[in-house]
Amino acid sequence: PYVHAMFTTGHDEANRQAFLAEDADNLNLVGLALHGPKKAVDKAIKGL
C-alpha cells in the first residue's frame, strides 16, 4: 500500500508510522500493488 500521508514523510520509518496511523478499515490509499495468482488478482482489480 501507499497512503496519501506518505507524501509528507522523508524516510521509511516515517512512512511506516504514517501508515500505522491510518484507519485500517478506511485507508486513504493513493496506490496499491497486488501480486498473486492471476485469477485472484483479476478478481481484485475487476472493473478498473
PDB file of all heavy atoms in Angstrom:
ATOM      1  N   PRO A   1       0.811  -1.213   0.000  1.00  0.00           N
ATOM      2  CA  PRO A   1       0.000   0.000   0.000  1.00  0.00           C
ATOM      3  C   PRO A   1       0.852   1.274   0.000  1.00  0.00           C
ATOM      4  O   PRO A   1       2.004   1.276   0.453  1.00  0.00           O
ATOM      5  CB  PRO A   1      -0.755  -0.112   1.321  1.00  0.00           C
ATOM      6  CG  PRO A   1       0.246  -0.787   2.226  1.00  0.00           C
ATOM      7  CD  PRO A   1       1.023  -1.734   1.354  1.00  0.00           C
ATOM      8  N   TYR A   2       0.284   2.337  -0.493  1.00  0.00           N
ATOM      9  CA  TYR A   2       0.871   3.674  -0.394  1.00  0.00           C
ATOM     10  C   TYR A   2      -0.287   4.607  -0.046  1.00  0.00           C
ATOM     11  O   TYR A   2      -1.260   4.683  -0.801  1.00  0.00           O
ATOM     12  CB  TYR A   2       1.518   4.081  -1.718  1.00  0.00           C
ATOM     13  CG  TYR A   2       2.491   5.235  -1.608  1.00  0.00           C
ATOM     14  CD1 TYR A   2       3.855   5.027  -1.723  1.00  0.00           C
ATOM     15  CD2 TYR A   2       2.056   6.544  -1.400  1.00  0.00           C
ATOM     16  CE1 TYR A   2       4.756   6.067  -1.640  1.00  0.00           C
ATOM     17  CE2 TYR A   2       2.946   7.589  -1.314  1.00  0.00           C
ATOM     18  CZ  TYR A   2       4.303   7.351  -1.443  1.00  0.00           C
ATOM     19  OH  TYR A   2       5.192   8.387  -1.357  1.00  0.00           O
ATOM     20  N   VAL A   3      -0.198   5.278   1.097  1.00  0.00           N
ATOM     21  CA  VAL A   3      -1.270   6.173   1.538  1.00  0.00           C
ATOM     22  C   VAL A   3      -0.837   7.632   1.354  1.00  0.00           C
ATOM     23  O   VAL A   3       0.352   7.943   1.300  1.00  0.00           O
ATOM     24  CB  VAL A   3      -1.678   5.899   3.007  1.00  0.00           C
ATOM     25  CG1 VAL A   3      -2.304   4.516   3.149  1.00  0.00           C
ATOM     26  CG2 VAL A   3      -0.519   6.086   3.950  1.00  0.00           C
ATOM     27  N   HIS A   4      -1.820   8.508   1.265  1.00  0.00           N
ATOM     28  CA  HIS A   4      -1.566   9.923   0.988  1.00  0.00           C
ATOM     29  C   HIS A   4      -0.596  10.549   1.985  1.00  0.00           C
ATOM     30  O   HIS A   4       0.263  11.342   1.600  1.00  0.00           O
ATOM     31  CB  HIS A   4      -2.888  10.697   0.958  1.00  0.00           C
ATOM     32  CG  HIS A   4      -2.736  12.055   0.357  1.00  0.00           C
ATOM     33  ND1 HIS A   4      -2.339  13.143   1.089  1.00  0.00           N
ATOM     34  CD2 HIS A   4      -2.893  12.472  -0.928  1.00  0.00           C
ATOM     35  CE1 HIS A   4      -2.266  14.193   0.292  1.00  0.00           C
ATOM     36  NE2 HIS A   4      -2.602  13.802  -0.931  1.00  0.00           N
ATOM     37  N   ALA A   5      -0.697  10.197   3.238  1.00  0.00           N
ATOM     38  CA  ALA A   5       0.176  10.792   4.264  1.00  0.00           C
ATOM     39  C   ALA A   5       1.653  10.522   4.000  1.00  0.00           C
ATOM     40  O   ALA A   5       2.519  11.272   4.465  1.00  0.00           O
ATOM     41  CB  ALA A   5      -0.212  10.270   5.644  1.00  0.00           C
ATOM     42  N   MET A   6       1.957   9.486   3.226  1.00  0.00           N
ATOM     43  CA  MET A   6       3.353   9.161   2.937  1.00  0.00           C
ATOM     44  C   MET A   6       4.007  10.201   2.023  1.00  0.00           C
ATOM     45  O   MET A   6       5.238  10.269   1.944  1.00  0.00           O
ATOM     46  CB  MET A   6       3.457   7.750   2.368  1.00  0.00           C
ATOM     47  CG  MET A   6       3.115   6.693   3.417  1.00  0.00           C
ATOM     48  SD  MET A   6       2.752   5.047   2.761  1.00  0.00           S
ATOM     49  CE  MET A   6       4.332   4.528   2.159  1.00  0.00           C
ATOM     50  N   PHE A   7       3.224  11.047   1.354  1.00  0.00           N
ATOM     51  CA  PHE A   7       3.798  12.129   0.555  1.00  0.00           C
ATOM     52  C   PHE A   7       4.493  13.168   1.433  1.00  0.00           C
ATOM     53  O   PHE A   7       5.323  13.926   0.962  1.00  0.00           O
ATOM     54  CB  PHE A   7       2.723  12.836  -0.290  1.00  0.00           C
ATOM     55  CG  PHE A   7       2.284  12.066  -1.510  1.00  0.00           C
ATOM     56  CD1 PHE A   7       0.938  11.890  -1.759  1.00  0.00           C
ATOM     57  CD2 PHE A   7       3.199  11.539  -2.410  1.00  0.00           C
ATOM     58  CE1 PHE A   7       0.508  11.208  -2.888  1.00  0.00           C
ATOM     59  CE2 PHE A   7       2.785  10.843  -3.537  1.00  0.00           C
ATOM     60  CZ  PHE A   7       1.433  10.684  -3.774  1.00  0.00           C
ATOM     61  N   THR A   8       4.133  13.223   2.709  1.00  0.00           N
ATOM     62  CA  THR A   8       4.679  14.252   3.601  1.00  0.00           C
ATOM     63  C   THR A   8       5.861  13.759   4.425  1.00  0.00           C
ATOM     64  O   THR A   8       6.409  14.516   5.227  1.00  0.00           O
ATOM     65  CB  THR A   8       3.595  14.763   4.568  1.00  0.00           C
ATOM     66  OG1 THR A   8       3.194  13.687   5.433  1.00  0.00           O
ATOM     67  CG2 THR A   8       2.390  15.302   3.813  1.00  0.00           C
ATOM     68  N   THR A   9       6.265  12.522   4.244  1.00  0.00           N
ATOM     69  CA  THR A   9       7.365  11.968   5.035  1.00  0.00           C
ATOM     70  C   THR A   9       8.656  12.008   4.229  1.00  0.00           C
ATOM     71  O   THR A   9       8.637  12.227   3.016  1.00  0.00           O
ATOM     72  CB  THR A   9       7.070  10.518   5.448  1.00  0.00           C
ATOM     73  OG1 THR A   9       6.994   9.715   4.267  1.00  0.00           O
ATOM     74  CG2 THR A   9       5.773  10.417   6.236  1.00  0.00           C
ATOM     75  N   GLY A  10       9.756  11.775   4.915  1.00  0.00           N
ATOM     76  CA  GLY A  10      11.026  11.844   4.222  1.00  0.00           C
ATOM     77  C   GLY A  10      11.859  10.581   4.287  1.00  0.00           C
ATOM     78  O   GLY A  10      12.954  10.533   3.744  1.00  0.00           O
ATOM     79  N   HIS A  11      11.337   9.547   4.966  1.00  0.00           N
ATOM     80  CA  HIS A  11      12.120   8.312   5.077  1.00  0.00           C
ATOM     81  C   HIS A  11      11.205   7.153   5.450  1.00  0.00           C
ATOM     82  O   HIS A  11      10.047   7.337   5.805  1.00  0.00           O
ATOM     83  CB  HIS A  11      13.265   8.469   6.084  1.00  0.00           C
ATOM     84  CG  HIS A  11      12.811   8.910   7.443  1.00  0.00           C
ATOM     85  ND1 HIS A  11      12.412   8.036   8.409  1.00  0.00           N
ATOM     86  CD2 HIS A  11      12.687  10.149   7.977  1.00  0.00           C
ATOM     87  CE1 HIS A  11      12.057   8.708   9.497  1.00  0.00           C
ATOM     88  NE2 HIS A  11      12.210   9.992   9.251  1.00  0.00           N
ATOM     89  N   ASP A  12      11.775   5.952   5.363  1.00  0.00           N
ATOM     90  CA  ASP A  12      10.998   4.722   5.511  1.00  0.00           C
ATOM     91  C   ASP A  12      10.301   4.596   6.864  1.00  0.00           C
ATOM     92  O   ASP A  12       9.129   4.228   6.924  1.00  0.00           O
ATOM     93  CB  ASP A  12      11.916   3.519   5.271  1.00  0.00           C
ATOM     94  CG  ASP A  12      11.150   2.218   5.215  1.00  0.00           C
ATOM     95  OD1 ASP A  12      10.138   2.149   4.497  1.00  0.00           O
ATOM     96  OD2 ASP A  12      11.577   1.267   5.883  1.00  0.00           O
ATOM     97  N   GLU A  13      11.002   4.874   7.944  1.00  0.00           N
ATOM     98  CA  GLU A  13      10.378   4.755   9.275  1.00  0.00           C
ATOM     99  C   GLU A  13       9.182   5.692   9.390  1.00  0.00           C
ATOM    100  O   GLU A  13       8.135   5.319   9.919  1.00  0.00           O
ATOM    101  CB  GLU A  13      11.397   5.034  10.382  1.00  0.00           C
ATOM    102  CG  GLU A  13      10.804   5.002  11.779  1.00  0.00           C
ATOM    103  CD  GLU A  13      10.156   3.669  12.165  1.00  0.00           C
ATOM    104  OE1 GLU A  13      10.594   2.604  11.673  1.00  0.00           O
ATOM    105  OE2 GLU A  13       9.195   3.678  12.958  1.00  0.00           O
ATOM    106  N   ALA A  14       9.321   6.912   8.871  1.00  0.00           N
ATOM    107  CA  ALA A  14       8.208   7.866   8.906  1.00  0.00           C
ATOM    108  C   ALA A  14       7.046   7.361   8.050  1.00  0.00           C
ATOM    109  O   ALA A  14       5.876   7.552   8.413  1.00  0.00           O
ATOM    110  CB  ALA A  14       8.671   9.241   8.435  1.00  0.00           C
ATOM    111  N   ASN A  15       7.360   6.712   6.939  1.00  0.00           N
ATOM    112  CA  ASN A  15       6.292   6.120   6.111  1.00  0.00           C
ATOM    113  C   ASN A  15       5.528   5.063   6.892  1.00  0.00           C
ATOM    114  O   ASN A  15       4.293   5.011   6.843  1.00  0.00           O
ATOM    115  CB  ASN A  15       6.878   5.479   4.849  1.00  0.00           C
ATOM    116  CG  ASN A  15       7.232   6.469   3.787  1.00  0.00           C
ATOM    117  OD1 ASN A  15       6.843   7.628   3.829  1.00  0.00           O
ATOM    118  ND2 ASN A  15       8.002   6.028   2.817  1.00  0.00           N
ATOM    119  N   ARG A  16       6.253   4.200   7.580  1.00  0.00           N
ATOM    120  CA  ARG A  16       5.577   3.145   8.363  1.00  0.00           C
ATOM    121  C   ARG A  16       4.728   3.743   9.475  1.00  0.00           C
ATOM    122  O   ARG A  16       3.631   3.240   9.760  1.00  0.00           O
ATOM    123  CB  ARG A  16       6.605   2.151   8.904  1.00  0.00           C
ATOM    124  CG  ARG A  16       7.148   1.219   7.832  1.00  0.00           C
ATOM    125  CD  ARG A  16       7.882   0.020   8.398  1.00  0.00           C
ATOM    126  NE  ARG A  16       8.984   0.385   9.267  1.00  0.00           N
ATOM    127  CZ  ARG A  16      10.200   0.722   8.849  1.00  0.00           C
ATOM    128  NH1 ARG A  16      10.460   0.754   7.566  1.00  0.00           N
ATOM    129  NH2 ARG A  16      11.144   1.033   9.713  1.00  0.00           N
ATOM    130  N   GLN A  17       5.202   4.801  10.110  1.00  0.00           N
ATOM    131  CA  GLN A  17       4.420   5.455  11.160  1.00  0.00           C
ATOM    132  C   GLN A  17       3.166   6.114  10.577  1.00  0.00           C
ATOM    133  O   GLN A  17       2.091   6.039  11.172  1.00  0.00           O
ATOM    134  CB  GLN A  17       5.280   6.482  11.909  1.00  0.00           C
ATOM    135  CG  GLN A  17       6.363   5.846  12.763  1.00  0.00           C
ATOM    136  CD  GLN A  17       5.804   4.893  13.799  1.00  0.00           C
ATOM    137  OE1 GLN A  17       4.840   5.181  14.482  1.00  0.00           O
ATOM    138  NE2 GLN A  17       6.429   3.718  13.894  1.00  0.00           N
ATOM    139  N   ALA A  18       3.314   6.743   9.416  1.00  0.00           N
ATOM    140  CA  ALA A  18       2.150   7.356   8.760  1.00  0.00           C
ATOM    141  C   ALA A  18       1.123   6.291   8.398  1.00  0.00           C
ATOM    142  O   ALA A  18      -0.084   6.485   8.581  1.00  0.00           O
ATOM    143  CB  ALA A  18       2.597   8.115   7.509  1.00  0.00           C
ATOM    144  N   PHE A  19       1.602   5.150   7.909  1.00  0.00           N
ATOM    145  CA  PHE A  19       0.688   4.060   7.550  1.00  0.00           C
ATOM    146  C   PHE A  19      -0.001   3.500   8.786  1.00  0.00           C
ATOM    147  O   PHE A  19      -1.212   3.263   8.785  1.00  0.00           O
ATOM    148  CB  PHE A  19       1.445   2.959   6.797  1.00  0.00           C
ATOM    149  CG  PHE A  19       0.544   1.859   6.333  1.00  0.00           C
ATOM    150  CD1 PHE A  19      -0.301   2.041   5.251  1.00  0.00           C
ATOM    151  CD2 PHE A  19       0.519   0.642   6.992  1.00  0.00           C
ATOM    152  CE1 PHE A  19      -1.150   1.034   4.828  1.00  0.00           C
ATOM    153  CE2 PHE A  19      -0.328  -0.373   6.578  1.00  0.00           C
ATOM    154  CZ  PHE A  19      -1.159  -0.173   5.494  1.00  0.00           C
ATOM    155  N   LEU A  20       0.750   3.307   9.851  1.00  0.00           N
ATOM    156  CA  LEU A  20       0.192   2.777  11.094  1.00  0.00           C
ATOM    157  C   LEU A  20      -0.891   3.688  11.662  1.00  0.00           C
ATOM    158  O   LEU A  20      -1.858   3.218  12.252  1.00  0.00           O
ATOM    159  CB  LEU A  20       1.305   2.569  12.124  1.00  0.00           C
ATOM    160  CG  LEU A  20       0.915   1.973  13.468  1.00  0.00           C
ATOM    161  CD1 LEU A  20       0.321   0.578  13.304  1.00  0.00           C
ATOM    162  CD2 LEU A  20       2.133   1.933  14.385  1.00  0.00           C
ATOM    163  N   ALA A  21      -0.761   4.982  11.456  1.00  0.00           N
ATOM    164  CA  ALA A  21      -1.732   5.957  11.976  1.00  0.00           C
ATOM    165  C   ALA A  21      -3.040   5.976  11.184  1.00  0.00           C
ATOM    166  O   ALA A  21      -4.027   6.564  11.631  1.00  0.00           O
ATOM    167  CB  ALA A  21      -1.104   7.360  11.982  1.00  0.00           C
ATOM    168  N   GLU A  22      -3.059   5.339  10.028  1.00  0.00           N
ATOM    169  CA  GLU A  22      -4.262   5.310   9.196  1.00  0.00           C
ATOM    170  C   GLU A  22      -5.369   4.471   9.832  1.00  0.00           C
ATOM    171  O   GLU A  22      -5.088   3.530  10.577  1.00  0.00           O
ATOM    172  CB  GLU A  22      -3.941   4.696   7.824  1.00  0.00           C
ATOM    173  CG  GLU A  22      -3.091   5.548   6.933  1.00  0.00           C
ATOM    174  CD  GLU A  22      -3.865   6.622   6.206  1.00  0.00           C
ATOM    175  OE1 GLU A  22      -4.993   6.354   5.736  1.00  0.00           O
ATOM    176  OE2 GLU A  22      -3.333   7.737   6.107  1.00  0.00           O
ATOM    177  N   ASP A  23      -6.604   4.789   9.489  1.00  0.00           N
ATOM    178  CA  ASP A  23      -7.745   3.954   9.848  1.00  0.00           C
ATOM    179  C   ASP A  23      -7.666   2.707   8.970  1.00  0.00           C
ATOM    180  O   ASP A  23      -7.862   2.782   7.746  1.00  0.00           O
ATOM    181  CB  ASP A  23      -9.045   4.722   9.586  1.00  0.00           C
ATOM    182  CG  ASP A  23     -10.307   3.908   9.792  1.00  0.00           C
ATOM    183  OD1 ASP A  23     -10.217   2.687  10.067  1.00  0.00           O
ATOM    184  OD2 ASP A  23     -11.398   4.489   9.666  1.00  0.00           O
ATOM    185  N   ALA A  24      -7.344   1.568   9.551  1.00  0.00           N
ATOM    186  CA  ALA A  24      -7.098   0.337   8.792  1.00  0.00           C
ATOM    187  C   ALA A  24      -8.298  -0.105   7.961  1.00  0.00           C
ATOM    188  O   ALA A  24      -8.144  -0.834   6.983  1.00  0.00           O
ATOM    189  CB  ALA A  24      -6.661  -0.785   9.733  1.00  0.00           C
ATOM    190  N   ASP A  25      -9.496   0.326   8.327  1.00  0.00           N
ATOM    191  CA  ASP A  25     -10.697  -0.042   7.579  1.00  0.00           C
ATOM    192  C   ASP A  25     -11.081   0.995   6.530  1.00  0.00           C
ATOM    193  O   ASP A  25     -12.064   0.808   5.807  1.00  0.00           O
ATOM    194  CB  ASP A  25     -11.872  -0.239   8.543  1.00  0.00           C
ATOM    195  CG  ASP A  25     -11.655  -1.423   9.460  1.00  0.00           C
ATOM    196  OD1 ASP A  25     -11.081  -2.444   8.999  1.00  0.00           O
ATOM    197  OD2 ASP A  25     -12.040  -1.335  10.648  1.00  0.00           O
ATOM    198  N   ASN A  26     -10.317   2.090   6.464  1.00  0.00           N
ATOM    199  CA  ASN A  26     -10.641   3.172   5.543  1.00  0.00           C
ATOM    200  C   ASN A  26      -9.355   3.883   5.129  1.00  0.00           C
ATOM    201  O   ASN A  26      -9.226   5.085   5.289  1.00  0.00           O
ATOM    202  CB  ASN A  26     -11.614   4.149   6.222  1.00  0.00           C
ATOM    203  CG  ASN A  26     -12.223   5.130   5.263  1.00  0.00           C
ATOM    204  OD1 ASN A  26     -12.426   4.829   4.096  1.00  0.00           O
ATOM    205  ND2 ASN A  26     -12.493   6.322   5.750  1.00  0.00           N
ATOM    206  N   LEU A  27      -8.397   3.116   4.605  1.00  0.00           N
ATOM    207  CA  LEU A  27      -7.104   3.688   4.226  1.00  0.00           C
ATOM    208  C   LEU A  27      -7.270   4.758   3.154  1.00  0.00           C
ATOM    209  O   LEU A  27      -8.033   4.586   2.200  1.00  0.00           O
ATOM    210  CB  LEU A  27      -6.185   2.589   3.695  1.00  0.00           C
ATOM    211  CG  LEU A  27      -5.771   1.491   4.668  1.00  0.00           C
ATOM    212  CD1 LEU A  27      -5.011   0.387   3.933  1.00  0.00           C
ATOM    213  CD2 LEU A  27      -4.943   2.062   5.794  1.00  0.00           C
ATOM    214  N   ASN A  28      -6.535   5.854   3.306  1.00  0.00           N
ATOM    215  CA  ASN A  28      -6.535   6.917   2.300  1.00  0.00           C
ATOM    216  C   ASN A  28      -5.495   6.555   1.229  1.00  0.00           C
ATOM    217  O   ASN A  28      -4.472   7.203   1.079  1.00  0.00           O
ATOM    218  CB  ASN A  28      -6.224   8.266   2.942  1.00  0.00           C
ATOM    219  CG  ASN A  28      -6.403   9.420   1.986  1.00  0.00           C
ATOM    220  OD1 ASN A  28      -6.918   9.260   0.886  1.00  0.00           O
ATOM    221  ND2 ASN A  28      -5.975  10.593   2.405  1.00  0.00           N
ATOM    222  N   LEU A  29      -5.785   5.499   0.498  1.00  0.00           N
ATOM    223  CA  LEU A  29      -4.855   4.955  -0.492  1.00  0.00           C
ATOM    224  C   LEU A  29      -4.694   5.884  -1.689  1.00  0.00           C
ATOM    225  O   LEU A  29      -5.667   6.426  -2.206  1.00  0.00           O
ATOM    226  CB  LEU A  29      -5.349   3.598  -0.982  1.00  0.00           C
ATOM    227  CG  LEU A  29      -5.312   2.459   0.030  1.00  0.00           C
ATOM    228  CD1 LEU A  29      -6.175   1.298  -0.445  1.00  0.00           C
ATOM    229  CD2 LEU A  29      -3.870   2.007   0.247  1.00  0.00           C
ATOM    230  N   VAL A  30      -3.445   6.020  -2.132  1.00  0.00           N
ATOM    231  CA  VAL A  30      -3.159   6.679  -3.404  1.00  0.00           C
ATOM    232  C   VAL A  30      -2.542   5.676  -4.370  1.00  0.00           C
ATOM    233  O   VAL A  30      -2.425   5.940  -5.556  1.00  0.00           O
ATOM    234  CB  VAL A  30      -2.255   7.914  -3.248  1.00  0.00           C
ATOM    235  CG1 VAL A  30      -2.972   9.005  -2.469  1.00  0.00           C
ATOM    236  CG2 VAL A  30      -0.926   7.561  -2.606  1.00  0.00           C
ATOM    237  N   GLY A  31      -2.135   4.528  -3.842  1.00  0.00           N
ATOM    238  CA  GLY A  31      -1.578   3.484  -4.678  1.00  0.00           C
ATOM    239  C   GLY A  31      -1.626   2.144  -3.982  1.00  0.00           C
ATOM    240  O   GLY A  31      -1.620   2.071  -2.749  1.00  0.00           O
ATOM    241  N   LEU A  32      -1.701   1.098  -4.778  1.00  0.00           N
ATOM    242  CA  LEU A  32      -1.739  -0.253  -4.242  1.00  0.00           C
ATOM    243  C   LEU A  32      -1.148  -1.195  -5.288  1.00  0.00           C
ATOM    244  O   LEU A  32      -1.510  -1.133  -6.461  1.00  0.00           O
ATOM    245  CB  LEU A  32      -3.187  -0.663  -3.947  1.00  0.00           C
ATOM    246  CG  LEU A  32      -3.421  -2.043  -3.341  1.00  0.00           C
ATOM    247  CD1 LEU A  32      -2.847  -2.114  -1.926  1.00  0.00           C
ATOM    248  CD2 LEU A  32      -4.902  -2.380  -3.332  1.00  0.00           C
ATOM    249  N   ALA A  33      -0.214  -2.034  -4.856  1.00  0.00           N
ATOM    250  CA  ALA A  33       0.319  -3.087  -5.718  1.00  0.00           C
ATOM    251  C   ALA A  33      -0.252  -4.407  -5.247  1.00  0.00           C
ATOM    252  O   ALA A  33      -0.399  -4.638  -4.039  1.00  0.00           O
ATOM    253  CB  ALA A  33       1.841  -3.111  -5.657  1.00  0.00           C
ATOM    254  N   LEU A  34      -0.568  -5.275  -6.189  1.00  0.00           N
ATOM    255  CA  LEU A  34      -1.098  -6.600  -5.883  1.00  0.00           C
ATOM    256  C   LEU A  34      -0.289  -7.633  -6.647  1.00  0.00           C
ATOM    257  O   LEU A  34       0.032  -7.439  -7.828  1.00  0.00           O
ATOM    258  CB  LEU A  34      -2.562  -6.717  -6.313  1.00  0.00           C
ATOM    259  CG  LEU A  34      -3.537  -5.688  -5.765  1.00  0.00           C
ATOM    260  CD1 LEU A  34      -3.717  -4.543  -6.732  1.00  0.00           C
ATOM    261  CD2 LEU A  34      -4.862  -6.324  -5.493  1.00  0.00           C
ATOM    262  N   HIS A  35       0.004  -8.745  -5.979  1.00  0.00           N
ATOM    263  CA  HIS A  35       0.701  -9.847  -6.629  1.00  0.00           C
ATOM    264  C   HIS A  35       0.135 -11.143  -6.080  1.00  0.00           C
ATOM    265  O   HIS A  35      -0.100 -11.262  -4.878  1.00  0.00           O
ATOM    266  CB  HIS A  35       2.204  -9.775  -6.353  1.00  0.00           C
ATOM    267  CG  HIS A  35       2.969 -10.912  -6.944  1.00  0.00           C
ATOM    268  ND1 HIS A  35       3.591 -11.858  -6.175  1.00  0.00           N
ATOM    269  CD2 HIS A  35       3.192 -11.262  -8.233  1.00  0.00           C
ATOM    270  CE1 HIS A  35       4.191 -12.732  -6.972  1.00  0.00           C
ATOM    271  NE2 HIS A  35       3.968 -12.399  -8.217  1.00  0.00           N
ATOM    272  N   GLY A  36      -0.086 -12.081  -6.952  1.00  0.00           N
ATOM    273  CA  GLY A  36      -0.599 -13.373  -6.547  1.00  0.00           C
ATOM    274  C   GLY A  36      -1.086 -14.145  -7.747  1.00  0.00           C
ATOM    275  O   GLY A  36      -0.794 -13.782  -8.897  1.00  0.00           O
ATOM    276  N   PRO A  37      -1.826 -15.210  -7.498  1.00  0.00           N
ATOM    277  CA  PRO A  37      -2.366 -15.999  -8.606  1.00  0.00           C
ATOM    278  C   PRO A  37      -3.172 -15.111  -9.564  1.00  0.00           C
ATOM    279  O   PRO A  37      -3.931 -14.243  -9.139  1.00  0.00           O
ATOM    280  CB  PRO A  37      -3.267 -17.019  -7.918  1.00  0.00           C
ATOM    281  CG  PRO A  37      -2.725 -17.115  -6.520  1.00  0.00           C
ATOM    282  CD  PRO A  37      -2.222 -15.739  -6.198  1.00  0.00           C
ATOM    283  N   LYS A  38      -2.973 -15.347 -10.855  1.00  0.00           N
ATOM    284  CA  LYS A  38      -3.573 -14.495 -11.881  1.00  0.00           C
ATOM    285  C   LYS A  38      -5.073 -14.296 -11.692  1.00  0.00           C
ATOM    286  O   LYS A  38      -5.563 -13.176 -11.726  1.00  0.00           O
ATOM    287  CB  LYS A  38      -3.280 -15.086 -13.263  1.00  0.00           C
ATOM    288  CG  LYS A  38      -3.770 -14.235 -14.410  1.00  0.00           C
ATOM    289  CD  LYS A  38      -3.485 -14.891 -15.743  1.00  0.00           C
ATOM    290  CE  LYS A  38      -3.951 -14.108 -16.925  1.00  0.00           C
ATOM    291  NZ  LYS A  38      -5.159 -13.365 -16.817  1.00  0.00           N
ATOM    292  N   LYS A  39      -5.817 -15.374 -11.482  1.00  0.00           N
ATOM    293  CA  LYS A  39      -7.269 -15.258 -11.356  1.00  0.00           C
ATOM    294  C   LYS A  39      -7.673 -14.441 -10.132  1.00  0.00           C
ATOM    295  O   LYS A  39      -8.632 -13.675 -10.172  1.00  0.00           O
ATOM    296  CB  LYS A  39      -7.921 -16.641 -11.317  1.00  0.00           C
ATOM    297  CG  LYS A  39      -7.894 -17.347 -12.654  1.00  0.00           C
ATOM    298  CD  LYS A  39      -8.590 -18.682 -12.608  1.00  0.00           C
ATOM    299  CE  LYS A  39      -8.530 -19.361 -13.961  1.00  0.00           C
ATOM    300  NZ  LYS A  39      -9.239 -20.631 -14.000  1.00  0.00           N
ATOM    301  N   ALA A  40      -6.941 -14.592  -9.039  1.00  0.00           N
ATOM    302  CA  ALA A  40      -7.256 -13.842  -7.820  1.00  0.00           C
ATOM    303  C   ALA A  40      -6.985 -12.356  -8.007  1.00  0.00           C
ATOM    304  O   ALA A  40      -7.772 -11.513  -7.565  1.00  0.00           O
ATOM    305  CB  ALA A  40      -6.456 -14.398  -6.643  1.00  0.00           C
ATOM    306  N   VAL A  41      -5.868 -12.012  -8.663  1.00  0.00           N
ATOM    307  CA  VAL A  41      -5.577 -10.602  -8.933  1.00  0.00           C
ATOM    308  C   VAL A  41      -6.633 -10.039  -9.872  1.00  0.00           C
ATOM    309  O   VAL A  41      -7.136  -8.929  -9.657  1.00  0.00           O
ATOM    310  CB  VAL A  41      -4.152 -10.415  -9.493  1.00  0.00           C
ATOM    311  CG1 VAL A  41      -3.925  -8.972  -9.943  1.00  0.00           C
ATOM    312  CG2 VAL A  41      -3.101 -10.813  -8.456  1.00  0.00           C
ATOM    313  N   ASP A  42      -6.994 -10.788 -10.913  1.00  0.00           N
ATOM    314  CA  ASP A  42      -8.027 -10.319 -11.844  1.00  0.00           C
ATOM    315  C   ASP A  42      -9.335 -10.005 -11.123  1.00  0.00           C
ATOM    316  O   ASP A  42      -9.999  -9.008 -11.431  1.00  0.00           O
ATOM    317  CB  ASP A  42      -8.283 -11.362 -12.937  1.00  0.00           C
ATOM    318  CG  ASP A  42      -7.186 -11.399 -13.988  1.00  0.00           C
ATOM    319  OD1 ASP A  42      -6.402 -10.428 -14.086  1.00  0.00           O
ATOM    320  OD2 ASP A  42      -7.109 -12.414 -14.710  1.00  0.00           O
ATOM    321  N   LYS A  43      -9.708 -10.834 -10.157  1.00  0.00           N
ATOM    322  CA  LYS A  43     -10.940 -10.578  -9.402  1.00  0.00           C
ATOM    323  C   LYS A  43     -10.799  -9.332  -8.533  1.00  0.00           C
ATOM    324  O   LYS A  43     -11.769  -8.582  -8.351  1.00  0.00           O
ATOM    325  CB  LYS A  43     -11.313 -11.782  -8.551  1.00  0.00           C
ATOM    326  CG  LYS A  43     -11.823 -12.934  -9.399  1.00  0.00           C
ATOM    327  CD  LYS A  43     -12.189 -14.141  -8.559  1.00  0.00           C
ATOM    328  CE  LYS A  43     -12.663 -15.265  -9.468  1.00  0.00           C
ATOM    329  NZ  LYS A  43     -12.983 -16.480  -8.730  1.00  0.00           N
ATOM    330  N   ALA A  44      -9.622  -9.093  -7.985  1.00  0.00           N
ATOM    331  CA  ALA A  44      -9.419  -7.929  -7.123  1.00  0.00           C
ATOM    332  C   ALA A  44      -9.425  -6.618  -7.891  1.00  0.00           C
ATOM    333  O   ALA A  44      -9.785  -5.585  -7.337  1.00  0.00           O
ATOM    334  CB  ALA A  44      -8.107  -8.086  -6.343  1.00  0.00           C
ATOM    335  N   ILE A  45      -9.044  -6.650  -9.163  1.00  0.00           N
ATOM    336  CA  ILE A  45      -8.978  -5.414  -9.956  1.00  0.00           C
ATOM    337  C   ILE A  45     -10.123  -5.303 -10.975  1.00  0.00           C
ATOM    338  O   ILE A  45     -10.147  -4.376 -11.779  1.00  0.00           O
ATOM    339  CB  ILE A  45      -7.616  -5.295 -10.678  1.00  0.00           C
ATOM    340  CG1 ILE A  45      -7.408  -6.442 -11.655  1.00  0.00           C
ATOM    341  CG2 ILE A  45      -6.481  -5.186  -9.680  1.00  0.00           C
ATOM    342  CD1 ILE A  45      -6.180  -6.306 -12.540  1.00  0.00           C
ATOM    343  N   LYS A  46     -11.059  -6.225 -10.883  1.00  0.00           N
ATOM    344  CA  LYS A  46     -12.170  -6.251 -11.849  1.00  0.00           C
ATOM    345  C   LYS A  46     -12.858  -4.883 -11.943  1.00  0.00           C
ATOM    346  O   LYS A  46     -13.187  -4.267 -10.946  1.00  0.00           O
ATOM    347  CB  LYS A  46     -13.192  -7.315 -11.454  1.00  0.00           C
ATOM    348  CG  LYS A  46     -14.273  -7.500 -12.474  1.00  0.00           C
ATOM    349  CD  LYS A  46     -15.218  -8.626 -12.130  1.00  0.00           C
ATOM    350  CE  LYS A  46     -16.249  -8.723 -13.218  1.00  0.00           C
ATOM    351  NZ  LYS A  46     -16.990  -9.947 -13.181  1.00  0.00           N
ATOM    352  N   GLY A  47     -13.041  -4.447 -13.177  1.00  0.00           N
ATOM    353  CA  GLY A  47     -13.747  -3.194 -13.433  1.00  0.00           C
ATOM    354  C   GLY A  47     -12.839  -1.975 -13.512  1.00  0.00           C
ATOM    355  O   GLY A  47     -13.291  -0.902 -13.905  1.00  0.00           O
ATOM    356  N   LEU A  48     -11.557  -2.106 -13.162  1.00  0.00           N
ATOM    357  CA  LEU A  48     -10.646  -0.963 -13.226  1.00  0.00           C
ATOM    358  C   LEU A  48     -10.117  -0.797 -14.635  1.00  0.00           C
ATOM    359  O   LEU A  48      -9.925  -1.766 -15.367  1.00  0.00           O
ATOM    360  CB  LEU A  48      -9.483  -1.145 -12.248  1.00  0.00           C
ATOM    361  CG  LEU A  48      -9.843  -1.242 -10.775  1.00  0.00           C
ATOM    362  CD1 LEU A  48      -8.558  -1.333  -9.947  1.00  0.00           C
ATOM    363  CD2 LEU A  48     -10.689  -0.073 -10.323  1.00  0.00           C
TER     364      LEU A  48
END
